[in-house]
Amino acid sequence: MSEQEGTRTWQAFLSFPLGKRLEKPRQQGLTMIIDKGLGLVETKDILHVCGQYIDFFKLGFGTPALYAPEVLEEKVHIIKSFGIDIYPGGTFFEVAILQEKIEEYLYLAKSIGFTAIEVSDGTITLPPEIREKAIARAAELGFKVLTEVGKKNGKHHPVQHLVEEIRRDLQHGAYRVILEGRESGINVGLYDDQGRFIQEELEELLCGIGDPRVLIWEAPRKNQQEELILRFGPNVNLGNIPPHEVLALEALRVGLRADTLKSTLERIYV
C-alpha cells in the first residue's frame, strides 16, 4: 500500500482555510443545538455523526414535560454519554418561576440527569433578585448555568440594560450568557425584521461587555452565523442550531463552505 493510499484523514494533508477548531472539552467555540422532539434513534444517529461538534443540547421550550419519563431519561443518558451538556429550554424554567416551583424544578432536573439549566425571562418579567437567586441555587446544585437576555416578543430593550444584565448574571455564577435570537432569528434581540444585525446596537453591546467570549449568540440563520464567524473567528459560541445543520455549521466555521472560504480568497488576492 502506498503512503497516499494509507492516508485515512483529509486533515493529514489539507488545512482548514479559517483555521483549526478547539477540541472538546472546550470552553470556546461552543455549539448549542435546539431539539424540538427528536426520537431516540434519530438522536443517536445525529450524535454518532456529529457529536464531537456539539457542546450543549437544549430540549426546546417545555418539551421535557411531554416525553414519557423512561424515554426522557434514556435520551438524557445517551446525550451525556457523548460528553454533551443537556438542559431544558428557558420557557420551561419560566413556567416553574410563575408557579413558584423552582426548587422542585431544579431537583427533578437533577434527578433526571440534566447537567445544565437555562435561566431566562424571555416571556415573563423576572425581578433581578429572583433571577440572581435562581442562578446561584442552580450553580449550588452543580448545574452549569446558562442565562439568556432579551425578549421573545420583538421588544428591544436598551442595549445598556442588556449589558448590565449580562454583567450581573456572570457575577452571580452564570457560565455563559445567551443572546436571544429564537428559532427564527428575525425581529428579536439584536436582529431586525430581515434577520440582520442592527449594527449600532451590536457595536454598543460589544463595547459594553468587553469580551464577546462570555456570550452564546443564538444564530439560527446562515447569514448570521457567517457574520459572527468572520468577525470573531471559527471558535465563536453559537446557539439555536438545528440538529441537522451541525455539520453544515462546522463547515462554515472552518472555511469549507463558499460563504466563508471566499473571505480567505479575498485576503490572498486583495
C-alpha atoms as a PDB file:
ATOM      1  CA  MET A   1       0.000   0.000   0.000  1.00  0.00           C
ATOM      2  CA  SER A   2       1.415   3.406  -0.959  1.00  0.00           C
ATOM      3  CA  GLU A   3       1.766   6.287   1.503  1.00  0.00           C
ATOM      4  CA  GLN A   4      -1.080   8.077  -0.307  1.00  0.00           C
ATOM      5  CA  GLU A   5      -3.338   5.034  -0.041  1.00  0.00           C
ATOM      6  CA  GLY A   6      -2.556   4.784   3.670  1.00  0.00           C
ATOM      7  CA  THR A   7      -3.777   8.314   4.393  1.00  0.00           C
ATOM      8  CA  ARG A   8      -7.093   7.964   6.204  1.00  0.00           C
ATOM      9  CA  THR A   9      -7.962  11.567   7.122  1.00  0.00           C
ATOM     10  CA  TRP A  10      -8.330  14.689   4.997  1.00  0.00           C
ATOM     11  CA  GLN A  11      -6.632  16.703   7.762  1.00  0.00           C
ATOM     12  CA  ALA A  12      -3.447  14.708   7.201  1.00  0.00           C
ATOM     13  CA  PHE A  13      -2.771  16.738   4.046  1.00  0.00           C
ATOM     14  CA  LEU A  14      -5.355  19.571   3.921  1.00  0.00           C
ATOM     15  CA  SER A  15      -5.537  22.626   6.201  1.00  0.00           C
ATOM     16  CA  PHE A  16      -8.843  24.232   7.108  1.00  0.00           C
ATOM     17  CA  PRO A  17      -8.924  27.676   5.431  1.00  0.00           C
ATOM     18  CA  LEU A  18     -10.195  29.506   8.542  1.00  0.00           C
ATOM     19  CA  GLY A  19      -8.004  27.572  10.962  1.00  0.00           C
ATOM     20  CA  LYS A  20      -8.389  24.656  13.345  1.00  0.00           C
ATOM     21  CA  ARG A  21     -11.231  24.287  15.797  1.00  0.00           C
ATOM     22  CA  LEU A  22     -10.684  23.828  19.503  1.00  0.00           C
ATOM     23  CA  GLU A  23     -11.306  20.242  20.544  1.00  0.00           C
ATOM     24  CA  LYS A  24     -13.649  19.019  23.286  1.00  0.00           C
ATOM     25  CA  PRO A  25     -13.871  19.587  26.143  1.00  0.00           C
ATOM     26  CA  ARG A  26     -13.648  23.219  25.059  1.00  0.00           C
ATOM     27  CA  GLN A  27     -14.540  26.493  26.711  1.00  0.00           C
ATOM     28  CA  GLN A  28     -14.906  28.430  23.472  1.00  0.00           C
ATOM     29  CA  GLY A  29     -16.267  27.615  20.045  1.00  0.00           C
ATOM     30  CA  LEU A  30     -19.351  26.154  21.709  1.00  0.00           C
ATOM     31  CA  THR A  31     -22.237  24.896  19.596  1.00  0.00           C
ATOM     32  CA  MET A  32     -25.650  24.675  21.217  1.00  0.00           C
ATOM     33  CA  ILE A  33     -28.405  22.876  19.319  1.00  0.00           C
ATOM     34  CA  ILE A  34     -32.153  23.122  19.833  1.00  0.00           C
ATOM     35  CA  ASP A  35     -34.068  19.839  19.788  1.00  0.00           C
ATOM     36  CA  LYS A  36     -37.819  20.134  19.229  1.00  0.00           C
ATOM     37  CA  GLY A  37     -38.572  16.439  19.736  1.00  0.00           C
ATOM     38  CA  LEU A  38     -36.088  14.055  18.148  1.00  0.00           C
ATOM     39  CA  GLY A  39     -36.721  10.378  18.781  1.00  0.00           C
ATOM     40  CA  LEU A  40     -34.137   8.136  20.404  1.00  0.00           C
ATOM     41  CA  VAL A  41     -32.940   6.554  17.150  1.00  0.00           C
ATOM     42  CA  GLU A  42     -32.595   9.920  15.395  1.00  0.00           C
ATOM     43  CA  THR A  43     -30.820  11.361  18.436  1.00  0.00           C
ATOM     44  CA  LYS A  44     -28.297   8.503  18.349  1.00  0.00           C
ATOM     45  CA  ASP A  45     -27.778   8.935  14.604  1.00  0.00           C
ATOM     46  CA  ILE A  46     -27.076  12.660  14.952  1.00  0.00           C
ATOM     47  CA  LEU A  47     -24.689  12.109  17.852  1.00  0.00           C
ATOM     48  CA  HIS A  48     -22.778   9.372  16.039  1.00  0.00           C
ATOM     49  CA  VAL A  49     -22.361  11.645  13.018  1.00  0.00           C
ATOM     50  CA  CYS A  50     -21.595  14.971  14.688  1.00  0.00           C
ATOM     51  CA  GLY A  51     -21.499  14.570  18.476  1.00  0.00           C
ATOM     52  CA  GLN A  52     -17.906  15.822  18.535  1.00  0.00           C
ATOM     53  CA  TYR A  53     -19.133  19.216  17.315  1.00  0.00           C
ATOM     54  CA  ILE A  54     -21.980  19.646  19.828  1.00  0.00           C
ATOM     55  CA  ASP A  55     -21.398  21.098  23.305  1.00  0.00           C
ATOM     56  CA  PHE A  56     -24.912  21.904  24.564  1.00  0.00           C
ATOM     57  CA  PHE A  57     -28.110  20.044  23.727  1.00  0.00           C
ATOM     58  CA  LYS A  58     -31.249  22.040  24.533  1.00  0.00           C
ATOM     59  CA  LEU A  59     -34.608  20.299  24.732  1.00  0.00           C
ATOM     60  CA  GLY A  60     -36.567  23.262  23.448  1.00  0.00           C
ATOM     61  CA  PHE A  61     -39.404  25.068  25.181  1.00  0.00           C
ATOM     62  CA  GLY A  62     -41.276  22.814  27.619  1.00  0.00           C
ATOM     63  CA  THR A  63     -40.800  19.619  25.616  1.00  0.00           C
ATOM     64  CA  PRO A  64     -39.121  17.741  28.522  1.00  0.00           C
ATOM     65  CA  ALA A  65     -42.543  17.604  30.222  1.00  0.00           C
ATOM     66  CA  LEU A  66     -44.066  15.845  27.214  1.00  0.00           C
ATOM     67  CA  TYR A  67     -41.761  12.833  26.945  1.00  0.00           C
ATOM     68  CA  ALA A  68     -42.614   9.568  28.634  1.00  0.00           C
ATOM     69  CA  PRO A  69     -40.354   9.582  31.726  1.00  0.00           C
ATOM     70  CA  GLU A  70     -38.399   6.499  30.682  1.00  0.00           C
ATOM     71  CA  VAL A  71     -37.830   7.919  27.176  1.00  0.00           C
ATOM     72  CA  LEU A  72     -36.620  11.237  28.591  1.00  0.00           C
ATOM     73  CA  GLU A  73     -34.208   9.539  30.976  1.00  0.00           C
ATOM     74  CA  GLU A  74     -32.812   7.368  28.199  1.00  0.00           C
ATOM     75  CA  LYS A  75     -32.420  10.351  25.902  1.00  0.00           C
ATOM     76  CA  VAL A  76     -30.590  12.341  28.573  1.00  0.00           C
ATOM     77  CA  HIS A  77     -28.317   9.359  29.254  1.00  0.00           C
ATOM     78  CA  ILE A  78     -27.481   8.936  25.554  1.00  0.00           C
ATOM     79  CA  ILE A  79     -26.606  12.598  25.097  1.00  0.00           C
ATOM     80  CA  LYS A  80     -24.439  12.716  28.224  1.00  0.00           C
ATOM     81  CA  SER A  81     -22.547   9.613  27.066  1.00  0.00           C
ATOM     82  CA  PHE A  82     -21.171  11.722  24.200  1.00  0.00           C
ATOM     83  CA  GLY A  83     -19.776  14.305  26.620  1.00  0.00           C
ATOM     84  CA  ILE A  84     -22.503  16.839  25.848  1.00  0.00           C
ATOM     85  CA  ASP A  85     -24.277  19.049  28.386  1.00  0.00           C
ATOM     86  CA  ILE A  86     -28.072  18.803  28.213  1.00  0.00           C
ATOM     87  CA  TYR A  87     -30.688  21.171  29.584  1.00  0.00           C
ATOM     88  CA  PRO A  88     -34.389  22.092  29.417  1.00  0.00           C
ATOM     89  CA  GLY A  89     -35.424  25.183  27.472  1.00  0.00           C
ATOM     90  CA  GLY A  90     -35.783  28.533  29.206  1.00  0.00           C
ATOM     91  CA  THR A  91     -39.550  28.778  28.711  1.00  0.00           C
ATOM     92  CA  PHE A  92     -39.958  25.685  30.899  1.00  0.00           C
ATOM     93  CA  PHE A  93     -37.950  27.434  33.619  1.00  0.00           C
ATOM     94  CA  GLU A  94     -40.224  30.469  33.318  1.00  0.00           C
ATOM     95  CA  VAL A  95     -43.313  28.297  33.899  1.00  0.00           C
ATOM     96  CA  ALA A  96     -41.698  26.955  37.083  1.00  0.00           C
ATOM     97  CA  ILE A  97     -40.997  30.516  38.221  1.00  0.00           C
ATOM     98  CA  LEU A  98     -44.584  31.606  37.551  1.00  0.00           C
ATOM     99  CA  GLN A  99     -45.900  28.685  39.616  1.00  0.00           C
ATOM    100  CA  GLU A 100     -43.298  29.203  42.376  1.00  0.00           C
ATOM    101  CA  LYS A 101     -41.911  25.694  41.873  1.00  0.00           C
ATOM    102  CA  ILE A 102     -38.304  26.493  41.041  1.00  0.00           C
ATOM    103  CA  GLU A 103     -36.839  24.304  43.814  1.00  0.00           C
ATOM    104  CA  GLU A 104     -38.886  21.301  42.693  1.00  0.00           C
ATOM    105  CA  TYR A 105     -37.958  22.043  39.076  1.00  0.00           C
ATOM    106  CA  LEU A 106     -34.236  22.045  39.827  1.00  0.00           C
ATOM    107  CA  TYR A 107     -34.387  18.876  41.936  1.00  0.00           C
ATOM    108  CA  LEU A 108     -36.292  16.937  39.288  1.00  0.00           C
ATOM    109  CA  ALA A 109     -33.958  18.155  36.539  1.00  0.00           C
ATOM    110  CA  LYS A 110     -31.033  16.975  38.641  1.00  0.00           C
ATOM    111  CA  SER A 111     -32.581  13.574  39.317  1.00  0.00           C
ATOM    112  CA  ILE A 112     -33.313  13.028  35.609  1.00  0.00           C
ATOM    113  CA  GLY A 113     -29.681  13.770  34.777  1.00  0.00           C
ATOM    114  CA  PHE A 114     -29.730  17.233  33.209  1.00  0.00           C
ATOM    115  CA  THR A 115     -26.324  18.867  33.549  1.00  0.00           C
ATOM    116  CA  ALA A 116     -27.210  22.471  32.761  1.00  0.00           C
ATOM    117  CA  ILE A 117     -30.062  24.906  33.409  1.00  0.00           C
ATOM    118  CA  GLU A 118     -31.203  27.934  31.449  1.00  0.00           C
ATOM    119  CA  VAL A 119     -32.366  30.928  33.470  1.00  0.00           C
ATOM    120  CA  SER A 120     -34.353  33.315  31.299  1.00  0.00           C
ATOM    121  CA  ASP A 121     -37.194  35.804  31.262  1.00  0.00           C
ATOM    122  CA  GLY A 122     -37.900  35.991  27.549  1.00  0.00           C
ATOM    123  CA  THR A 123     -41.658  35.858  28.135  1.00  0.00           C
ATOM    124  CA  ILE A 124     -42.156  36.766  31.789  1.00  0.00           C
ATOM    125  CA  THR A 125     -40.963  39.637  33.946  1.00  0.00           C
ATOM    126  CA  LEU A 126     -38.368  38.320  36.363  1.00  0.00           C
ATOM    127  CA  PRO A 127     -37.265  40.599  39.229  1.00  0.00           C
ATOM    128  CA  PRO A 128     -33.445  40.841  39.450  1.00  0.00           C
ATOM    129  CA  GLU A 129     -33.331  39.405  42.961  1.00  0.00           C
ATOM    130  CA  ILE A 130     -35.253  36.246  41.924  1.00  0.00           C
ATOM    131  CA  ARG A 131     -33.062  35.868  38.849  1.00  0.00           C
ATOM    132  CA  GLU A 132     -29.937  36.121  40.977  1.00  0.00           C
ATOM    133  CA  LYS A 133     -31.214  33.556  43.483  1.00  0.00           C
ATOM    134  CA  ALA A 134     -32.144  31.126  40.707  1.00  0.00           C
ATOM    135  CA  ILE A 135     -28.675  31.398  39.148  1.00  0.00           C
ATOM    136  CA  ALA A 136     -26.953  30.917  42.488  1.00  0.00           C
ATOM    137  CA  ARG A 137     -29.190  27.999  43.513  1.00  0.00           C
ATOM    138  CA  ALA A 138     -28.749  26.155  40.217  1.00  0.00           C
ATOM    139  CA  ALA A 139     -24.989  26.595  40.421  1.00  0.00           C
ATOM    140  CA  GLU A 140     -25.041  25.386  44.034  1.00  0.00           C
ATOM    141  CA  LEU A 141     -26.757  22.175  42.893  1.00  0.00           C
ATOM    142  CA  GLY A 142     -23.965  21.556  40.392  1.00  0.00           C
ATOM    143  CA  PHE A 143     -25.627  22.732  37.194  1.00  0.00           C
ATOM    144  CA  LYS A 144     -23.752  24.610  34.506  1.00  0.00           C
ATOM    145  CA  VAL A 145     -25.899  27.751  34.389  1.00  0.00           C
ATOM    146  CA  LEU A 146     -26.716  29.437  31.098  1.00  0.00           C
ATOM    147  CA  THR A 147     -28.691  32.647  31.316  1.00  0.00           C
ATOM    148  CA  GLU A 148     -30.464  34.404  28.489  1.00  0.00           C
ATOM    149  CA  VAL A 149     -31.008  38.113  27.883  1.00  0.00           C
ATOM    150  CA  GLY A 150     -33.543  39.679  25.540  1.00  0.00           C
ATOM    151  CA  LYS A 151     -37.249  39.258  24.919  1.00  0.00           C
ATOM    152  CA  LYS A 152     -39.055  36.882  22.556  1.00  0.00           C
ATOM    153  CA  ASN A 153     -41.781  39.334  21.528  1.00  0.00           C
ATOM    154  CA  GLY A 154     -39.597  41.554  19.370  1.00  0.00           C
ATOM    155  CA  LYS A 155     -39.440  44.286  22.003  1.00  0.00           C
ATOM    156  CA  HIS A 156     -35.994  45.840  22.033  1.00  0.00           C
ATOM    157  CA  HIS A 157     -34.518  46.587  25.437  1.00  0.00           C
ATOM    158  CA  PRO A 158     -31.948  49.375  25.544  1.00  0.00           C
ATOM    159  CA  VAL A 159     -28.557  47.823  24.907  1.00  0.00           C
ATOM    160  CA  GLN A 160     -27.218  49.209  28.159  1.00  0.00           C
ATOM    161  CA  HIS A 161     -29.870  47.219  30.008  1.00  0.00           C
ATOM    162  CA  LEU A 162     -28.651  44.039  28.297  1.00  0.00           C
ATOM    163  CA  VAL A 163     -25.033  44.870  29.157  1.00  0.00           C
ATOM    164  CA  GLU A 164     -25.881  45.377  32.824  1.00  0.00           C
ATOM    165  CA  GLU A 165     -27.868  42.135  32.938  1.00  0.00           C
ATOM    166  CA  ILE A 166     -25.028  40.190  31.315  1.00  0.00           C
ATOM    167  CA  ARG A 167     -22.554  41.533  33.861  1.00  0.00           C
ATOM    168  CA  ARG A 168     -24.837  40.711  36.794  1.00  0.00           C
ATOM    169  CA  ASP A 169     -25.510  37.190  35.548  1.00  0.00           C
ATOM    170  CA  LEU A 170     -21.805  36.442  35.218  1.00  0.00           C
ATOM    171  CA  GLN A 171     -21.133  37.930  38.626  1.00  0.00           C
ATOM    172  CA  HIS A 172     -23.729  35.635  40.201  1.00  0.00           C
ATOM    173  CA  GLY A 173     -22.383  32.451  38.652  1.00  0.00           C
ATOM    174  CA  ALA A 174     -23.580  32.143  35.048  1.00  0.00           C
ATOM    175  CA  TYR A 175     -21.256  30.061  32.880  1.00  0.00           C
ATOM    176  CA  ARG A 176     -22.253  31.822  29.655  1.00  0.00           C
ATOM    177  CA  VAL A 177     -24.968  34.299  28.681  1.00  0.00           C
ATOM    178  CA  ILE A 178     -27.168  33.551  25.668  1.00  0.00           C
ATOM    179  CA  LEU A 179     -28.232  36.462  23.482  1.00  0.00           C
ATOM    180  CA  GLU A 180     -31.864  35.887  22.442  1.00  0.00           C
ATOM    181  CA  GLY A 181     -32.442  35.009  18.806  1.00  0.00           C
ATOM    182  CA  ARG A 182     -35.276  32.456  18.970  1.00  0.00           C
ATOM    183  CA  GLU A 183     -35.538  29.743  16.310  1.00  0.00           C
ATOM    184  CA  SER A 184     -36.273  32.300  13.586  1.00  0.00           C
ATOM    185  CA  GLY A 185     -33.549  34.898  14.128  1.00  0.00           C
ATOM    186  CA  ILE A 186     -35.959  37.589  12.946  1.00  0.00           C
ATOM    187  CA  ASN A 187     -37.089  40.764  14.760  1.00  0.00           C
ATOM    188  CA  VAL A 188     -35.686  39.674  18.106  1.00  0.00           C
ATOM    189  CA  GLY A 189     -32.658  40.555  20.211  1.00  0.00           C
ATOM    190  CA  LEU A 190     -30.191  42.461  18.021  1.00  0.00           C
ATOM    191  CA  TYR A 191     -31.777  41.213  14.768  1.00  0.00           C
ATOM    192  CA  ASP A 192     -34.047  43.330  12.596  1.00  0.00           C
ATOM    193  CA  ASP A 193     -37.110  42.136  10.681  1.00  0.00           C
ATOM    194  CA  GLN A 194     -34.843  40.764   7.934  1.00  0.00           C
ATOM    195  CA  GLY A 195     -32.700  38.767  10.333  1.00  0.00           C
ATOM    196  CA  ARG A 196     -29.759  41.138  10.018  1.00  0.00           C
ATOM    197  CA  PHE A 197     -27.797  42.581  12.911  1.00  0.00           C
ATOM    198  CA  ILE A 198     -28.711  46.090  13.990  1.00  0.00           C
ATOM    199  CA  GLN A 199     -25.134  47.269  13.659  1.00  0.00           C
ATOM    200  CA  GLU A 200     -25.249  50.244  16.023  1.00  0.00           C
ATOM    201  CA  GLU A 201     -26.688  48.084  18.795  1.00  0.00           C
ATOM    202  CA  LEU A 202     -24.212  45.292  18.096  1.00  0.00           C
ATOM    203  CA  GLU A 203     -21.269  47.682  18.416  1.00  0.00           C
ATOM    204  CA  GLU A 204     -22.711  49.200  21.582  1.00  0.00           C
ATOM    205  CA  LEU A 205     -23.135  45.748  23.140  1.00  0.00           C
ATOM    206  CA  LEU A 206     -19.590  44.665  22.285  1.00  0.00           C
ATOM    207  CA  CYS A 207     -18.175  47.899  23.656  1.00  0.00           C
ATOM    208  CA  GLY A 208     -20.167  47.429  26.863  1.00  0.00           C
ATOM    209  CA  ILE A 209     -19.254  43.805  27.637  1.00  0.00           C
ATOM    210  CA  GLY A 210     -15.636  43.943  26.509  1.00  0.00           C
ATOM    211  CA  ASP A 211     -15.104  40.212  25.993  1.00  0.00           C
ATOM    212  CA  PRO A 212     -17.522  38.614  23.478  1.00  0.00           C
ATOM    213  CA  ARG A 213     -16.430  35.119  24.582  1.00  0.00           C
ATOM    214  CA  VAL A 214     -18.859  35.315  27.517  1.00  0.00           C
ATOM    215  CA  LEU A 215     -21.764  35.182  25.045  1.00  0.00           C
ATOM    216  CA  ILE A 216     -23.508  32.414  23.150  1.00  0.00           C
ATOM    217  CA  TRP A 217     -25.082  34.015  20.101  1.00  0.00           C
ATOM    218  CA  GLU A 218     -28.388  32.464  19.089  1.00  0.00           C
ATOM    219  CA  ALA A 219     -27.872  32.478  15.333  1.00  0.00           C
ATOM    220  CA  PRO A 220     -30.214  30.080  13.537  1.00  0.00           C
ATOM    221  CA  ARG A 221     -29.714  31.697  10.105  1.00  0.00           C
ATOM    222  CA  LYS A 222     -26.680  31.095   7.900  1.00  0.00           C
ATOM    223  CA  ASN A 223     -26.019  34.784   7.209  1.00  0.00           C
ATOM    224  CA  GLN A 224     -25.914  35.424  10.969  1.00  0.00           C
ATOM    225  CA  GLN A 225     -23.524  32.528  11.546  1.00  0.00           C
ATOM    226  CA  GLU A 226     -21.314  33.710   8.695  1.00  0.00           C
ATOM    227  CA  GLU A 227     -21.090  37.271  10.017  1.00  0.00           C
ATOM    228  CA  LEU A 228     -20.197  36.102  13.524  1.00  0.00           C
ATOM    229  CA  ILE A 229     -17.585  33.605  12.288  1.00  0.00           C
ATOM    230  CA  LEU A 230     -15.913  36.150  10.037  1.00  0.00           C
ATOM    231  CA  ARG A 231     -15.876  38.702  12.835  1.00  0.00           C
ATOM    232  CA  PHE A 232     -14.829  36.538  15.788  1.00  0.00           C
ATOM    233  CA  GLY A 233     -13.254  33.513  14.123  1.00  0.00           C
ATOM    234  CA  PRO A 234     -14.169  29.812  13.927  1.00  0.00           C
ATOM    235  CA  ASN A 235     -14.357  29.463  17.717  1.00  0.00           C
ATOM    236  CA  VAL A 236     -17.240  31.863  18.346  1.00  0.00           C
ATOM    237  CA  ASN A 237     -20.050  30.451  20.544  1.00  0.00           C
ATOM    238  CA  LEU A 238     -23.222  29.807  18.530  1.00  0.00           C
ATOM    239  CA  GLY A 239     -26.649  28.586  19.609  1.00  0.00           C
ATOM    240  CA  ASN A 240     -30.124  27.523  18.471  1.00  0.00           C
ATOM    241  CA  ILE A 241     -28.597  25.471  15.681  1.00  0.00           C
ATOM    242  CA  PRO A 242     -30.990  22.891  14.175  1.00  0.00           C
ATOM    243  CA  PRO A 243     -29.608  19.376  14.798  1.00  0.00           C
ATOM    244  CA  HIS A 244     -29.441  18.507  11.101  1.00  0.00           C
ATOM    245  CA  GLU A 245     -27.354  21.616  10.356  1.00  0.00           C
ATOM    246  CA  VAL A 246     -24.477  20.949  12.764  1.00  0.00           C
ATOM    247  CA  LEU A 247     -22.099  19.636  10.096  1.00  0.00           C
ATOM    248  CA  ALA A 248     -23.053  22.471   7.749  1.00  0.00           C
ATOM    249  CA  LEU A 249     -22.240  24.960  10.513  1.00  0.00           C
ATOM    250  CA  GLU A 250     -18.943  23.235  11.237  1.00  0.00           C
ATOM    251  CA  ALA A 251     -18.007  23.513   7.559  1.00  0.00           C
ATOM    252  CA  LEU A 252     -18.909  27.211   7.695  1.00  0.00           C
ATOM    253  CA  ARG A 253     -16.768  27.673  10.820  1.00  0.00           C
ATOM    254  CA  VAL A 254     -13.572  26.353   9.229  1.00  0.00           C
ATOM    255  CA  GLY A 255     -13.948  27.700   5.696  1.00  0.00           C
ATOM    256  CA  LEU A 256     -15.199  24.559   3.989  1.00  0.00           C
ATOM    257  CA  ARG A 257     -18.224  26.392   2.554  1.00  0.00           C
ATOM    258  CA  ALA A 258     -18.041  29.015  -0.150  1.00  0.00           C
ATOM    259  CA  ASP A 259     -19.622  31.617   2.143  1.00  0.00           C
ATOM    260  CA  THR A 260     -16.581  31.735   4.435  1.00  0.00           C
ATOM    261  CA  LEU A 261     -13.958  30.340   2.032  1.00  0.00           C
ATOM    262  CA  LYS A 262     -14.357  33.437  -0.128  1.00  0.00           C
ATOM    263  CA  SER A 263     -13.101  35.602   2.753  1.00  0.00           C
ATOM    264  CA  THR A 264      -9.746  33.803   2.678  1.00  0.00           C
ATOM    265  CA  LEU A 265      -9.536  34.305  -1.067  1.00  0.00           C
ATOM    266  CA  GLU A 266     -10.158  37.995  -0.615  1.00  0.00           C
ATOM    267  CA  ARG A 267      -7.267  38.205   1.858  1.00  0.00           C
ATOM    268  CA  ILE A 268      -4.962  36.411  -0.581  1.00  0.00           C
ATOM    269  CA  TYR A 269      -5.798  38.350  -3.716  1.00  0.00           C
ATOM    270  CA  VAL A 270      -6.661  41.824  -2.453  1.00  0.00           C
END
